[in-house]
Amino acid sequence: MVIPEELVSTFVSGLLGVADVDGGPTDEQVSVISAVSSHLWHQDASVLNGIEPGPLAQALTDDDVRRRFVQLAIIVMFCRHPHSEEQVAQLDRYASALGIHGDELDAVSSWISESTELASIDFIRSYGNYLPALSDKVADYAGGGDVLPEVEALRLLPEGTLGWAFLRFYERNGFHLPGPTTPTPAYYISHDMNHVIAGYEPTGPGEISLGAFKLAMSDTDANWMAFMTNLLIHEAGLLKHGSTTQFIPYGGDIYPDADGQGALHLPGAASMLGEAFERGSAVHGDFSQIDHLGIAHRPLAEIRAEYGVVPRSDGVDGGLGTGLVSTRG
């Protein structure tokens, strides 16, 4: 998520411009922009004003920087509640000026202009193209039992290993271990191994922060689509996990106790997101799409040290289950 120093203020001003609709940025949008800009670039967003799409496009000429801007602008767009056509149109104006198009922008447009169900179906179809890259390698299995043999074998690993921590993660959160009837079990093995290594629990803010961490660690199309999925579930309420298929349309409020707001509205969530981008950017290499089962016998601490995974500043470790107030979300 590196941005040339001379472009940082313009970049952040552009994000403020994206949010400047319907009476101005919401408190959640300002909080998220401020957290990301301070953690990643040490920029105080409160001293800046919004900038229009044209001047922004003149300043941001590098394709990678433009891509990162639109990625963060989509996060900002999701943080407006209730969602509005004007906010989506504003995002489209900035993306068009920068020459950025993609499946995620199409999903956002159809969500507002057509229906929740159609937008969900379109996104799930596009997401399927990236599923192999987001999954661990497991053998075809047609035998008895309700847990995959590769997962069952983790029970033999000693305390402190990645595999041991993976099993504790599932037990702690009351999750059923990946098995033959689990929708896309190879995906969940990979996804939850990443939870353990990065140290994020499976709450709404934790899921979004894991997506940010992975994107900052490796800005691949697969990681971006995975992050979009986190946002569509926990911030937009467009999707939810299914029992027979991986995702199904939802279209409801994920957190009705937060006045219909998404996960990033919750206390401390914006700061966790900003720090996740920072922590992910500091990692050496990319552990998001490696053979996690192949290294499950290694100590978790050793794997984290190899990749340069620094502890969270709040003292929480969602991989080992320490410092948690609640593990459900």
C-alpha atoms as a PDB file:
ATOM      1  CA  MET A   1       0.000   0.000   0.000  1.00  0.00           C
ATOM      2  CA  VAL A   2       2.940   2.310  -0.661  1.00  0.00           C
ATOM      3  CA  ILE A   3       2.056   5.774  -2.003  1.00  0.00           C
ATOM      4  CA  PRO A   4       4.781   8.261  -3.031  1.00  0.00           C
ATOM      5  CA  GLU A   5       5.168  10.744  -0.187  1.00  0.00           C
ATOM      6  CA  GLU A   6       4.477  13.738  -2.408  1.00  0.00           C
ATOM      7  CA  LEU A   7       1.090  12.269  -3.399  1.00  0.00           C
ATOM      8  CA  VAL A   8      -0.209  11.294   0.032  1.00  0.00           C
ATOM      9  CA  SER A   9      -2.130  14.492   0.812  1.00  0.00           C
ATOM     10  CA  THR A  10      -3.719  14.509  -2.657  1.00  0.00           C
ATOM     11  CA  PHE A  11      -4.590  10.812  -2.339  1.00  0.00           C
ATOM     12  CA  VAL A  12      -6.291  11.300   1.046  1.00  0.00           C
ATOM     13  CA  SER A  13      -8.042  14.458  -0.187  1.00  0.00           C
ATOM     14  CA  GLY A  14      -9.478  12.348  -3.003  1.00  0.00           C
ATOM     15  CA  LEU A  15     -10.926   9.880  -0.481  1.00  0.00           C
ATOM     16  CA  LEU A  16     -12.543  12.780   1.355  1.00  0.00           C
ATOM     17  CA  GLY A  17     -13.947  13.928  -1.990  1.00  0.00           C
ATOM     18  CA  VAL A  18     -15.483  10.505  -2.615  1.00  0.00           C
ATOM     19  CA  ALA A  19     -17.326  10.790   0.713  1.00  0.00           C
ATOM     20  CA  ASP A  20     -18.519  14.377   0.079  1.00  0.00           C
ATOM     21  CA  VAL A  21     -22.125  13.660  -0.927  1.00  0.00           C
ATOM     22  CA  ASP A  22     -25.539  13.923   0.721  1.00  0.00           C
ATOM     23  CA  GLY A  23     -24.403  16.664   3.090  1.00  0.00           C
ATOM     24  CA  GLY A  24     -20.797  15.548   3.492  1.00  0.00           C
ATOM     25  CA  PRO A  25     -18.847  12.573   4.830  1.00  0.00           C
ATOM     26  CA  THR A  26     -20.407  10.518   7.614  1.00  0.00           C
ATOM     27  CA  ASP A  27     -18.661  10.079  10.950  1.00  0.00           C
ATOM     28  CA  GLU A  28     -17.818   6.481  10.028  1.00  0.00           C
ATOM     29  CA  GLN A  29     -16.299   7.535   6.695  1.00  0.00           C
ATOM     30  CA  VAL A  30     -14.167  10.200   8.357  1.00  0.00           C
ATOM     31  CA  SER A  31     -13.068   7.739  11.030  1.00  0.00           C
ATOM     32  CA  VAL A  32     -12.012   5.134   8.459  1.00  0.00           C
ATOM     33  CA  ILE A  33     -10.202   7.626   6.216  1.00  0.00           C
ATOM     34  CA  SER A  34      -8.391   9.080   9.230  1.00  0.00           C
ATOM     35  CA  ALA A  35      -7.366   5.677  10.575  1.00  0.00           C
ATOM     36  CA  VAL A  36      -6.043   4.400   7.247  1.00  0.00           C
ATOM     37  CA  SER A  37      -4.175   7.608   6.380  1.00  0.00           C
ATOM     38  CA  SER A  38      -2.557   7.898   9.819  1.00  0.00           C
ATOM     39  CA  HIS A  39      -1.500   4.235  10.073  1.00  0.00           C
ATOM     40  CA  LEU A  40      -0.235   3.871   6.510  1.00  0.00           C
ATOM     41  CA  TRP A  41       1.176   7.301   5.681  1.00  0.00           C
ATOM     42  CA  HIS A  42       1.213   9.289   8.974  1.00  0.00           C
ATOM     43  CA  GLN A  43      -1.083  11.848   7.347  1.00  0.00           C
ATOM     44  CA  ASP A  44      -3.560  13.824   9.453  1.00  0.00           C
ATOM     45  CA  ALA A  45      -6.745  13.768   7.361  1.00  0.00           C
ATOM     46  CA  SER A  46      -8.422  16.441   9.514  1.00  0.00           C
ATOM     47  CA  VAL A  47      -6.274  19.205   7.974  1.00  0.00           C
ATOM     48  CA  LEU A  48      -7.296  18.304   4.405  1.00  0.00           C
ATOM     49  CA  ASN A  49     -10.277  19.081   2.170  1.00  0.00           C
ATOM     50  CA  GLY A  50     -11.796  17.017  -0.620  1.00  0.00           C
ATOM     51  CA  ILE A  51     -10.529  17.191  -4.192  1.00  0.00           C
ATOM     52  CA  GLU A  52     -12.541  16.699  -7.396  1.00  0.00           C
ATOM     53  CA  PRO A  53     -12.042  13.725  -9.779  1.00  0.00           C
ATOM     54  CA  GLY A  54     -10.333  15.756 -12.528  1.00  0.00           C
ATOM     55  CA  PRO A  55      -7.502  17.249 -10.458  1.00  0.00           C
ATOM     56  CA  LEU A  56      -7.059  13.905  -8.690  1.00  0.00           C
ATOM     57  CA  ALA A  57      -6.619  12.097 -12.010  1.00  0.00           C
ATOM     58  CA  GLN A  58      -4.054  14.677 -13.124  1.00  0.00           C
ATOM     59  CA  ALA A  59      -2.030  14.063  -9.953  1.00  0.00           C
ATOM     60  CA  LEU A  60      -2.328  10.259  -9.755  1.00  0.00           C
ATOM     61  CA  THR A  61      -0.818   8.997 -13.007  1.00  0.00           C
ATOM     62  CA  ASP A  62       0.632   5.656 -11.877  1.00  0.00           C
ATOM     63  CA  ASP A  63      -1.689   2.705 -12.568  1.00  0.00           C
ATOM     64  CA  ASP A  64      -0.909   0.956  -9.268  1.00  0.00           C
ATOM     65  CA  VAL A  65      -1.611   4.119  -7.265  1.00  0.00           C
ATOM     66  CA  ARG A  66      -4.875   4.591  -9.138  1.00  0.00           C
ATOM     67  CA  ARG A  67      -5.878   0.999  -8.372  1.00  0.00           C
ATOM     68  CA  ARG A  68      -5.134   1.468  -4.681  1.00  0.00           C
ATOM     69  CA  PHE A  69      -7.157   4.674  -4.627  1.00  0.00           C
ATOM     70  CA  VAL A  70     -10.250   2.993  -6.046  1.00  0.00           C
ATOM     71  CA  GLN A  71      -9.856   0.066  -3.650  1.00  0.00           C
ATOM     72  CA  LEU A  72      -9.859   2.413  -0.663  1.00  0.00           C
ATOM     73  CA  ALA A  73     -12.614   4.537  -2.225  1.00  0.00           C
ATOM     74  CA  ILE A  74     -14.840   1.433  -2.351  1.00  0.00           C
ATOM     75  CA  ILE A  75     -14.261   0.923   1.378  1.00  0.00           C
ATOM     76  CA  VAL A  76     -15.233   4.559   1.972  1.00  0.00           C
ATOM     77  CA  MET A  77     -18.363   4.096  -0.144  1.00  0.00           C
ATOM     78  CA  PHE A  78     -19.451   1.047   1.893  1.00  0.00           C
ATOM     79  CA  CYS A  79     -19.086   3.076   5.102  1.00  0.00           C
ATOM     80  CA  ARG A  80     -22.040   5.335   4.258  1.00  0.00           C
ATOM     81  CA  HIS A  81     -25.273   4.145   5.860  1.00  0.00           C
ATOM     82  CA  PRO A  82     -27.909   4.009   4.599  1.00  0.00           C
ATOM     83  CA  HIS A  83     -26.401   3.419   1.171  1.00  0.00           C
ATOM     84  CA  SER A  84     -27.350   5.943  -1.481  1.00  0.00           C
ATOM     85  CA  GLU A  85     -27.393   6.221  -5.262  1.00  0.00           C
ATOM     86  CA  GLU A  86     -25.498   9.508  -5.044  1.00  0.00           C
ATOM     87  CA  GLN A  87     -22.658   7.864  -3.123  1.00  0.00           C
ATOM     88  CA  VAL A  88     -22.356   5.108  -5.729  1.00  0.00           C
ATOM     89  CA  ALA A  89     -22.485   7.679  -8.532  1.00  0.00           C
ATOM     90  CA  GLN A  90     -19.730   9.664  -6.803  1.00  0.00           C
ATOM     91  CA  LEU A  91     -17.532   6.572  -6.596  1.00  0.00           C
ATOM     92  CA  ASP A  92     -18.163   5.926 -10.286  1.00  0.00           C
ATOM     93  CA  ARG A  93     -17.116   9.489 -11.188  1.00  0.00           C
ATOM     94  CA  TYR A  94     -13.764   9.063  -9.445  1.00  0.00           C
ATOM     95  CA  ALA A  95     -13.163   5.563 -10.814  1.00  0.00           C
ATOM     96  CA  SER A  96     -14.029   6.674 -14.363  1.00  0.00           C
ATOM     97  CA  ALA A  97     -11.701   9.676 -14.142  1.00  0.00           C
ATOM     98  CA  LEU A  98      -8.902   7.309 -13.118  1.00  0.00           C
ATOM     99  CA  GLY A  99      -9.754   4.782 -15.834  1.00  0.00           C
ATOM    100  CA  ILE A 100     -10.505   1.980 -13.363  1.00  0.00           C
ATOM    101  CA  HIS A 101     -13.222  -0.599 -14.098  1.00  0.00           C
ATOM    102  CA  GLY A 102     -13.906  -4.070 -12.716  1.00  0.00           C
ATOM    103  CA  ASP A 103     -16.293  -6.708 -11.383  1.00  0.00           C
ATOM    104  CA  GLU A 104     -16.437  -5.092  -7.956  1.00  0.00           C
ATOM    105  CA  LEU A 105     -17.622  -1.769  -9.396  1.00  0.00           C
ATOM    106  CA  ASP A 106     -20.235  -3.563 -11.490  1.00  0.00           C
ATOM    107  CA  ALA A 107     -21.501  -5.330  -8.363  1.00  0.00           C
ATOM    108  CA  VAL A 108     -21.795  -2.038  -6.499  1.00  0.00           C
ATOM    109  CA  SER A 109     -23.717  -0.420  -9.373  1.00  0.00           C
ATOM    110  CA  SER A 110     -26.159  -3.313  -9.760  1.00  0.00           C
ATOM    111  CA  TRP A 111     -26.694  -3.406  -5.998  1.00  0.00           C
ATOM    112  CA  ILE A 112     -28.112   0.138  -6.106  1.00  0.00           C
ATOM    113  CA  SER A 113     -29.685   0.189  -9.572  1.00  0.00           C
ATOM    114  CA  GLU A 114     -31.123  -3.331  -9.798  1.00  0.00           C
ATOM    115  CA  SER A 115     -31.532  -5.529  -6.715  1.00  0.00           C
ATOM    116  CA  THR A 116     -29.671  -7.079  -3.826  1.00  0.00           C
ATOM    117  CA  GLU A 117     -30.244 -10.559  -5.219  1.00  0.00           C
ATOM    118  CA  LEU A 118     -28.975  -9.777  -8.723  1.00  0.00           C
ATOM    119  CA  ALA A 119     -25.926  -7.960  -7.364  1.00  0.00           C
ATOM    120  CA  SER A 120     -25.176 -10.880  -5.062  1.00  0.00           C
ATOM    121  CA  ILE A 121     -25.491 -13.440  -7.844  1.00  0.00           C
ATOM    122  CA  ASP A 122     -23.261 -11.410 -10.167  1.00  0.00           C
ATOM    123  CA  PHE A 123     -20.575 -10.985  -7.524  1.00  0.00           C
ATOM    124  CA  ILE A 124     -20.634 -14.630  -6.431  1.00  0.00           C
ATOM    125  CA  ARG A 125     -20.231 -15.686 -10.068  1.00  0.00           C
ATOM    126  CA  SER A 126     -17.196 -13.399 -10.515  1.00  0.00           C
ATOM    127  CA  TYR A 127     -15.750 -14.431  -7.154  1.00  0.00           C
ATOM    128  CA  GLY A 128     -15.777 -18.070  -8.226  1.00  0.00           C
ATOM    129  CA  ASN A 129     -12.984 -17.338 -10.703  1.00  0.00           C
ATOM    130  CA  TYR A 130     -10.629 -16.551  -7.808  1.00  0.00           C
ATOM    131  CA  LEU A 131     -11.654 -19.366  -5.465  1.00  0.00           C
ATOM    132  CA  PRO A 132      -8.865 -21.797  -6.502  1.00  0.00           C
ATOM    133  CA  ALA A 133      -6.195 -19.235  -5.586  1.00  0.00           C
ATOM    134  CA  LEU A 134      -7.818 -18.730  -2.172  1.00  0.00           C
ATOM    135  CA  SER A 135      -7.981 -22.442  -1.294  1.00  0.00           C
ATOM    136  CA  ASP A 136      -5.553 -24.944   0.182  1.00  0.00           C
ATOM    137  CA  LYS A 137      -4.796 -28.149  -1.686  1.00  0.00           C
ATOM    138  CA  VAL A 138      -6.822 -31.098  -0.375  1.00  0.00           C
ATOM    139  CA  ALA A 139      -7.340 -34.546  -1.848  1.00  0.00           C
ATOM    140  CA  ASP A 140     -10.690 -35.653  -3.253  1.00  0.00           C
ATOM    141  CA  TYR A 141     -12.507 -37.440  -0.459  1.00  0.00           C
ATOM    142  CA  ALA A 142     -15.579 -39.651  -0.666  1.00  0.00           C
ATOM    143  CA  GLY A 143     -15.168 -41.694   2.520  1.00  0.00           C
ATOM    144  CA  GLY A 144     -17.073 -41.643   5.783  1.00  0.00           C
ATOM    145  CA  GLY A 145     -16.643 -39.193   8.621  1.00  0.00           C
ATOM    146  CA  ASP A 146     -17.503 -35.532   8.875  1.00  0.00           C
ATOM    147  CA  VAL A 147     -13.956 -34.072   8.940  1.00  0.00           C
ATOM    148  CA  LEU A 148     -11.453 -34.088   6.080  1.00  0.00           C
ATOM    149  CA  PRO A 149      -8.515 -36.478   6.714  1.00  0.00           C
ATOM    150  CA  GLU A 150      -5.996 -33.624   6.300  1.00  0.00           C
ATOM    151  CA  VAL A 151      -7.752 -31.705   9.073  1.00  0.00           C
ATOM    152  CA  GLU A 152      -8.191 -34.767  11.291  1.00  0.00           C
ATOM    153  CA  ALA A 153      -4.423 -35.348  11.067  1.00  0.00           C
ATOM    154  CA  LEU A 154      -3.804 -31.980  12.724  1.00  0.00           C
ATOM    155  CA  ARG A 155      -4.891 -33.496  16.042  1.00  0.00           C
ATOM    156  CA  LEU A 156      -1.531 -35.298  16.195  1.00  0.00           C
ATOM    157  CA  LEU A 157       0.469 -32.058  16.153  1.00  0.00           C
ATOM    158  CA  PRO A 158       1.992 -30.679  19.364  1.00  0.00           C
ATOM    159  CA  GLU A 159       0.965 -27.538  21.226  1.00  0.00           C
ATOM    160  CA  GLY A 160       2.220 -24.323  19.692  1.00  0.00           C
ATOM    161  CA  THR A 161       2.167 -25.479  16.082  1.00  0.00           C
ATOM    162  CA  LEU A 162       0.080 -23.823  13.382  1.00  0.00           C
ATOM    163  CA  GLY A 163      -2.134 -26.900  13.119  1.00  0.00           C
ATOM    164  CA  TRP A 164      -2.694 -26.982  16.887  1.00  0.00           C
ATOM    165  CA  ALA A 165      -3.663 -23.291  16.871  1.00  0.00           C
ATOM    166  CA  PHE A 166      -6.003 -23.898  13.911  1.00  0.00           C
ATOM    167  CA  LEU A 167      -7.902 -26.563  15.853  1.00  0.00           C
ATOM    168  CA  ARG A 168      -8.086 -24.330  18.942  1.00  0.00           C
ATOM    169  CA  PHE A 169      -9.437 -21.507  16.729  1.00  0.00           C
ATOM    170  CA  TYR A 170     -12.309 -23.740  15.593  1.00  0.00           C
ATOM    171  CA  GLU A 171     -13.003 -25.105  19.061  1.00  0.00           C
ATOM    172  CA  ARG A 172     -12.939 -21.651  20.660  1.00  0.00           C
ATOM    173  CA  ASN A 173     -15.452 -20.246  18.197  1.00  0.00           C
ATOM    174  CA  GLY A 174     -17.760 -23.251  18.044  1.00  0.00           C
ATOM    175  CA  PHE A 175     -17.109 -23.889  14.344  1.00  0.00           C
ATOM    176  CA  HIS A 176     -17.484 -27.300  12.726  1.00  0.00           C
ATOM    177  CA  LEU A 177     -14.180 -28.495  11.289  1.00  0.00           C
ATOM    178  CA  PRO A 178     -14.025 -28.539   7.449  1.00  0.00           C
ATOM    179  CA  GLY A 179     -15.479 -31.776   6.138  1.00  0.00           C
ATOM    180  CA  PRO A 180     -17.001 -33.378   3.038  1.00  0.00           C
ATOM    181  CA  THR A 181     -20.313 -31.534   3.515  1.00  0.00           C
ATOM    182  CA  THR A 182     -18.722 -28.130   4.142  1.00  0.00           C
ATOM    183  CA  PRO A 183     -19.207 -25.742   1.211  1.00  0.00           C
ATOM    184  CA  THR A 184     -15.721 -25.209  -0.311  1.00  0.00           C
ATOM    185  CA  PRO A 185     -13.819 -26.722   2.672  1.00  0.00           C
ATOM    186  CA  ALA A 186     -10.431 -26.067   1.017  1.00  0.00           C
ATOM    187  CA  TYR A 187     -11.233 -22.345   1.021  1.00  0.00           C
ATOM    188  CA  TYR A 188     -12.059 -22.291   4.723  1.00  0.00           C
ATOM    189  CA  ILE A 189      -8.870 -24.155   5.602  1.00  0.00           C
ATOM    190  CA  SER A 190      -6.817 -21.476   3.838  1.00  0.00           C
ATOM    191  CA  HIS A 191      -8.929 -18.588   5.120  1.00  0.00           C
ATOM    192  CA  ASP A 192      -8.810 -19.677   8.740  1.00  0.00           C
ATOM    193  CA  MET A 193      -5.109 -20.529   8.615  1.00  0.00           C
ATOM    194  CA  ASN A 194      -4.669 -16.877   7.616  1.00  0.00           C
ATOM    195  CA  HIS A 195      -6.816 -15.837  10.579  1.00  0.00           C
ATOM    196  CA  VAL A 196      -4.495 -17.753  12.898  1.00  0.00           C
ATOM    197  CA  ILE A 197      -1.217 -16.458  11.441  1.00  0.00           C
ATOM    198  CA  ALA A 198      -2.363 -12.820  11.200  1.00  0.00           C
ATOM    199  CA  GLY A 199      -4.022 -12.947  14.627  1.00  0.00           C
ATOM    200  CA  TYR A 200      -7.571 -11.797  13.825  1.00  0.00           C
ATOM    201  CA  GLU A 201     -10.631 -13.368  15.398  1.00  0.00           C
ATOM    202  CA  PRO A 202     -13.723 -14.120  13.236  1.00  0.00           C
ATOM    203  CA  THR A 203     -15.781 -11.092  14.253  1.00  0.00           C
ATOM    204  CA  GLY A 204     -17.034  -8.533  11.728  1.00  0.00           C
ATOM    205  CA  PRO A 205     -14.133  -6.117  12.350  1.00  0.00           C
ATOM    206  CA  GLY A 206     -11.733  -9.071  12.507  1.00  0.00           C
ATOM    207  CA  GLU A 207     -12.849 -10.424   9.138  1.00  0.00           C
ATOM    208  CA  ILE A 208     -12.535  -7.006   7.465  1.00  0.00           C
ATOM    209  CA  SER A 209      -9.142  -6.442   9.081  1.00  0.00           C
ATOM    210  CA  LEU A 210      -7.902  -9.823   7.863  1.00  0.00           C
ATOM    211  CA  GLY A 211      -8.949  -8.841   4.343  1.00  0.00           C
ATOM    212  CA  ALA A 212      -7.049  -5.555   4.645  1.00  0.00           C
ATOM    213  CA  PHE A 213      -3.985  -7.329   6.055  1.00  0.00           C
ATOM    214  CA  LYS A 214      -3.906  -9.801   3.156  1.00  0.00           C
ATOM    215  CA  LEU A 215      -4.413  -7.085   0.540  1.00  0.00           C
ATOM    216  CA  ALA A 216      -1.574  -5.003   1.998  1.00  0.00           C
ATOM    217  CA  MET A 217       0.610  -8.104   2.164  1.00  0.00           C
ATOM    218  CA  SER A 218      -0.045  -9.024  -1.471  1.00  0.00           C
ATOM    219  CA  ASP A 219      -2.186  -6.872  -3.762  1.00  0.00           C
ATOM    220  CA  THR A 220      -3.445  -9.710  -5.962  1.00  0.00           C
ATOM    221  CA  ASP A 221      -6.823  -9.828  -7.680  1.00  0.00           C
ATOM    222  CA  ALA A 222      -7.735 -12.850  -5.545  1.00  0.00           C
ATOM    223  CA  ASN A 223      -6.953 -11.074  -2.266  1.00  0.00           C
ATOM    224  CA  TRP A 224      -8.859  -8.003  -3.411  1.00  0.00           C
ATOM    225  CA  MET A 225     -11.960 -10.049  -4.243  1.00  0.00           C
ATOM    226  CA  ALA A 226     -11.675 -11.811  -0.872  1.00  0.00           C
ATOM    227  CA  PHE A 227     -11.518  -8.424   0.855  1.00  0.00           C
ATOM    228  CA  MET A 228     -14.558  -7.288  -1.154  1.00  0.00           C
ATOM    229  CA  THR A 229     -16.393 -10.338   0.145  1.00  0.00           C
ATOM    230  CA  ASN A 230     -15.537  -9.380   3.749  1.00  0.00           C
ATOM    231  CA  LEU A 231     -16.937  -5.901   3.111  1.00  0.00           C
ATOM    232  CA  LEU A 232     -20.067  -7.169   1.347  1.00  0.00           C
ATOM    233  CA  ILE A 233     -20.841  -9.460   4.285  1.00  0.00           C
ATOM    234  CA  HIS A 234     -19.871  -7.394   7.312  1.00  0.00           C
ATOM    235  CA  GLU A 235     -20.181  -3.790   6.145  1.00  0.00           C
ATOM    236  CA  ALA A 236     -22.810  -3.813   3.398  1.00  0.00           C
ATOM    237  CA  GLY A 237     -24.908  -6.804   4.498  1.00  0.00           C
ATOM    238  CA  LEU A 238     -25.229  -7.920   0.868  1.00  0.00           C
ATOM    239  CA  LEU A 239     -24.114 -11.537   1.390  1.00  0.00           C
ATOM    240  CA  LYS A 240     -23.983 -14.118   4.149  1.00  0.00           C
ATOM    241  CA  HIS A 241     -22.457 -17.578   4.484  1.00  0.00           C
ATOM    242  CA  GLY A 242     -24.682 -20.455   3.404  1.00  0.00           C
ATOM    243  CA  SER A 243     -25.016 -24.028   4.633  1.00  0.00           C
ATOM    244  CA  THR A 244     -25.060 -25.711   1.210  1.00  0.00           C
ATOM    245  CA  THR A 245     -23.264 -23.053  -0.863  1.00  0.00           C
ATOM    246  CA  GLN A 246     -20.488 -20.743   0.236  1.00  0.00           C
ATOM    247  CA  PHE A 247     -22.443 -17.495  -0.049  1.00  0.00           C
ATOM    248  CA  ILE A 248     -26.095 -16.539  -0.476  1.00  0.00           C
ATOM    249  CA  PRO A 249     -27.825 -13.146  -0.892  1.00  0.00           C
ATOM    250  CA  TYR A 250     -28.727 -11.514   2.386  1.00  0.00           C
ATOM    251  CA  GLY A 251     -29.525  -7.826   2.082  1.00  0.00           C
ATOM    252  CA  GLY A 252     -30.233  -7.170   5.748  1.00  0.00           C
ATOM    253  CA  ASP A 253     -28.608  -5.317   8.626  1.00  0.00           C
ATOM    254  CA  ILE A 254     -25.602  -7.210   9.975  1.00  0.00           C
ATOM    255  CA  TYR A 255     -25.456  -5.180  13.178  1.00  0.00           C
ATOM    256  CA  PRO A 256     -28.969  -3.908  13.999  1.00  0.00           C
ATOM    257  CA  ASP A 257     -27.737  -3.000  17.479  1.00  0.00           C
ATOM    258  CA  ALA A 258     -25.509  -0.361  15.853  1.00  0.00           C
ATOM    259  CA  ASP A 259     -28.432   1.456  14.190  1.00  0.00           C
ATOM    260  CA  GLY A 260     -28.043  -0.449  10.948  1.00  0.00           C
ATOM    261  CA  GLN A 261     -24.371   0.418  10.595  1.00  0.00           C
ATOM    262  CA  GLY A 262     -21.722  -2.010   9.397  1.00  0.00           C
ATOM    263  CA  ALA A 263     -18.863  -3.552  11.332  1.00  0.00           C
ATOM    264  CA  LEU A 264     -16.545  -0.564  10.870  1.00  0.00           C
ATOM    265  CA  HIS A 265     -19.007   1.539  12.872  1.00  0.00           C
ATOM    266  CA  LEU A 266     -18.231  -0.482  15.998  1.00  0.00           C
ATOM    267  CA  PRO A 267     -15.849   0.936  18.648  1.00  0.00           C
ATOM    268  CA  GLY A 268     -12.192   0.503  17.688  1.00  0.00           C
ATOM    269  CA  ALA A 269     -12.989  -1.118  14.321  1.00  0.00           C
ATOM    270  CA  ALA A 270     -11.669   1.723  12.124  1.00  0.00           C
ATOM    271  CA  SER A 271      -8.379   1.804  14.019  1.00  0.00           C
ATOM    272  CA  MET A 272      -8.098  -1.990  13.739  1.00  0.00           C
ATOM    273  CA  LEU A 273      -8.585  -1.667   9.975  1.00  0.00           C
ATOM    274  CA  GLY A 274      -5.916   1.023   9.666  1.00  0.00           C
ATOM    275  CA  GLU A 275      -3.452  -1.019  11.697  1.00  0.00           C
ATOM    276  CA  ALA A 276      -4.248  -4.119   9.622  1.00  0.00           C
ATOM    277  CA  PHE A 277      -3.134  -2.290   6.479  1.00  0.00           C
ATOM    278  CA  GLU A 278       0.015  -1.217   8.322  1.00  0.00           C
ATOM    279  CA  ARG A 279       0.799  -4.693   9.691  1.00  0.00           C
ATOM    280  CA  GLY A 280       0.166  -6.337   6.330  1.00  0.00           C
ATOM    281  CA  SER A 281       2.419  -3.855   4.541  1.00  0.00           C
ATOM    282  CA  ALA A 282       5.274  -4.736   6.906  1.00  0.00           C
ATOM    283  CA  VAL A 283       5.165  -8.481   6.166  1.00  0.00           C
ATOM    284  CA  HIS A 284       8.027 -10.107   4.230  1.00  0.00           C
ATOM    285  CA  GLY A 285       6.633 -12.293   1.469  1.00  0.00           C
ATOM    286  CA  ASP A 286       3.082 -13.606   1.230  1.00  0.00           C
ATOM    287  CA  PHE A 287       1.621 -16.390   3.364  1.00  0.00           C
ATOM    288  CA  SER A 288      -1.964 -15.878   2.185  1.00  0.00           C
ATOM    289  CA  GLN A 289      -1.919 -18.491  -0.584  1.00  0.00           C
ATOM    290  CA  ILE A 290       0.795 -20.943   0.479  1.00  0.00           C
ATOM    291  CA  ASP A 291       0.317 -24.631   1.367  1.00  0.00           C
ATOM    292  CA  HIS A 292      -0.828 -24.074   4.944  1.00  0.00           C
ATOM    293  CA  LEU A 293      -1.430 -27.745   5.630  1.00  0.00           C
ATOM    294  CA  GLY A 294       2.142 -28.413   4.501  1.00  0.00           C
ATOM    295  CA  ILE A 295       3.546 -26.139   7.221  1.00  0.00           C
ATOM    296  CA  ALA A 296       0.951 -26.950   9.900  1.00  0.00           C
ATOM    297  CA  HIS A 297       3.579 -28.944  11.849  1.00  0.00           C
ATOM    298  CA  ARG A 298       5.764 -25.853  12.328  1.00  0.00           C
ATOM    299  CA  PRO A 299       5.524 -23.608  15.428  1.00  0.00           C
ATOM    300  CA  LEU A 300       3.180 -20.674  14.844  1.00  0.00           C
ATOM    301  CA  ALA A 301       5.705 -18.297  16.421  1.00  0.00           C
ATOM    302  CA  GLU A 302       8.358 -19.466  13.964  1.00  0.00           C
ATOM    303  CA  ILE A 303       6.089 -18.893  10.958  1.00  0.00           C
ATOM    304  CA  ARG A 304       5.171 -15.414  12.177  1.00  0.00           C
ATOM    305  CA  ALA A 305       8.840 -14.547  12.696  1.00  0.00           C
ATOM    306  CA  GLU A 306       9.726 -15.791   9.201  1.00  0.00           C
ATOM    307  CA  TYR A 307       7.176 -13.486   7.590  1.00  0.00           C
ATOM    308  CA  GLY A 308       7.637 -10.564   9.965  1.00  0.00           C
ATOM    309  CA  VAL A 309       4.138 -10.592  11.473  1.00  0.00           C
ATOM    310  CA  VAL A 310       4.227  -8.043  14.290  1.00  0.00           C
ATOM    311  CA  PRO A 311       1.849  -8.255  17.277  1.00  0.00           C
ATOM    312  CA  ARG A 312      -1.320  -6.174  17.342  1.00  0.00           C
ATOM    313  CA  SER A 313      -1.054  -2.995  19.391  1.00  0.00           C
ATOM    314  CA  ASP A 314      -4.194  -3.846  21.413  1.00  0.00           C
ATOM    315  CA  GLY A 315      -2.593  -7.000  22.814  1.00  0.00           C
ATOM    316  CA  VAL A 316      -5.204  -9.266  21.212  1.00  0.00           C
ATOM    317  CA  ASP A 317      -4.062 -12.435  19.450  1.00  0.00           C
ATOM    318  CA  GLY A 318      -6.936 -13.966  17.514  1.00  0.00           C
ATOM    319  CA  GLY A 319      -4.707 -16.860  16.480  1.00  0.00           C
ATOM    320  CA  LEU A 320      -3.914 -18.024  19.997  1.00  0.00           C
ATOM    321  CA  GLY A 321      -7.121 -16.713  21.547  1.00  0.00           C
ATOM    322  CA  THR A 322      -5.453 -14.386  24.040  1.00  0.00           C
ATOM    323  CA  GLY A 323      -6.696 -10.951  25.041  1.00  0.00           C
ATOM    324  CA  LEU A 324     -10.152 -11.528  23.594  1.00  0.00           C
ATOM    325  CA  VAL A 325     -13.271 -10.004  25.098  1.00  0.00           C
ATOM    326  CA  SER A 326     -15.494 -12.094  22.842  1.00  0.00           C
ATOM    327  CA  THR A 327     -14.641 -14.547  20.076  1.00  0.00           C
ATOM    328  CA  ARG A 328     -18.052 -14.484  18.410  1.00  0.00           C
ATOM    329  CA  GLY A 329     -19.264 -11.963  15.870  1.00  0.00           C
END
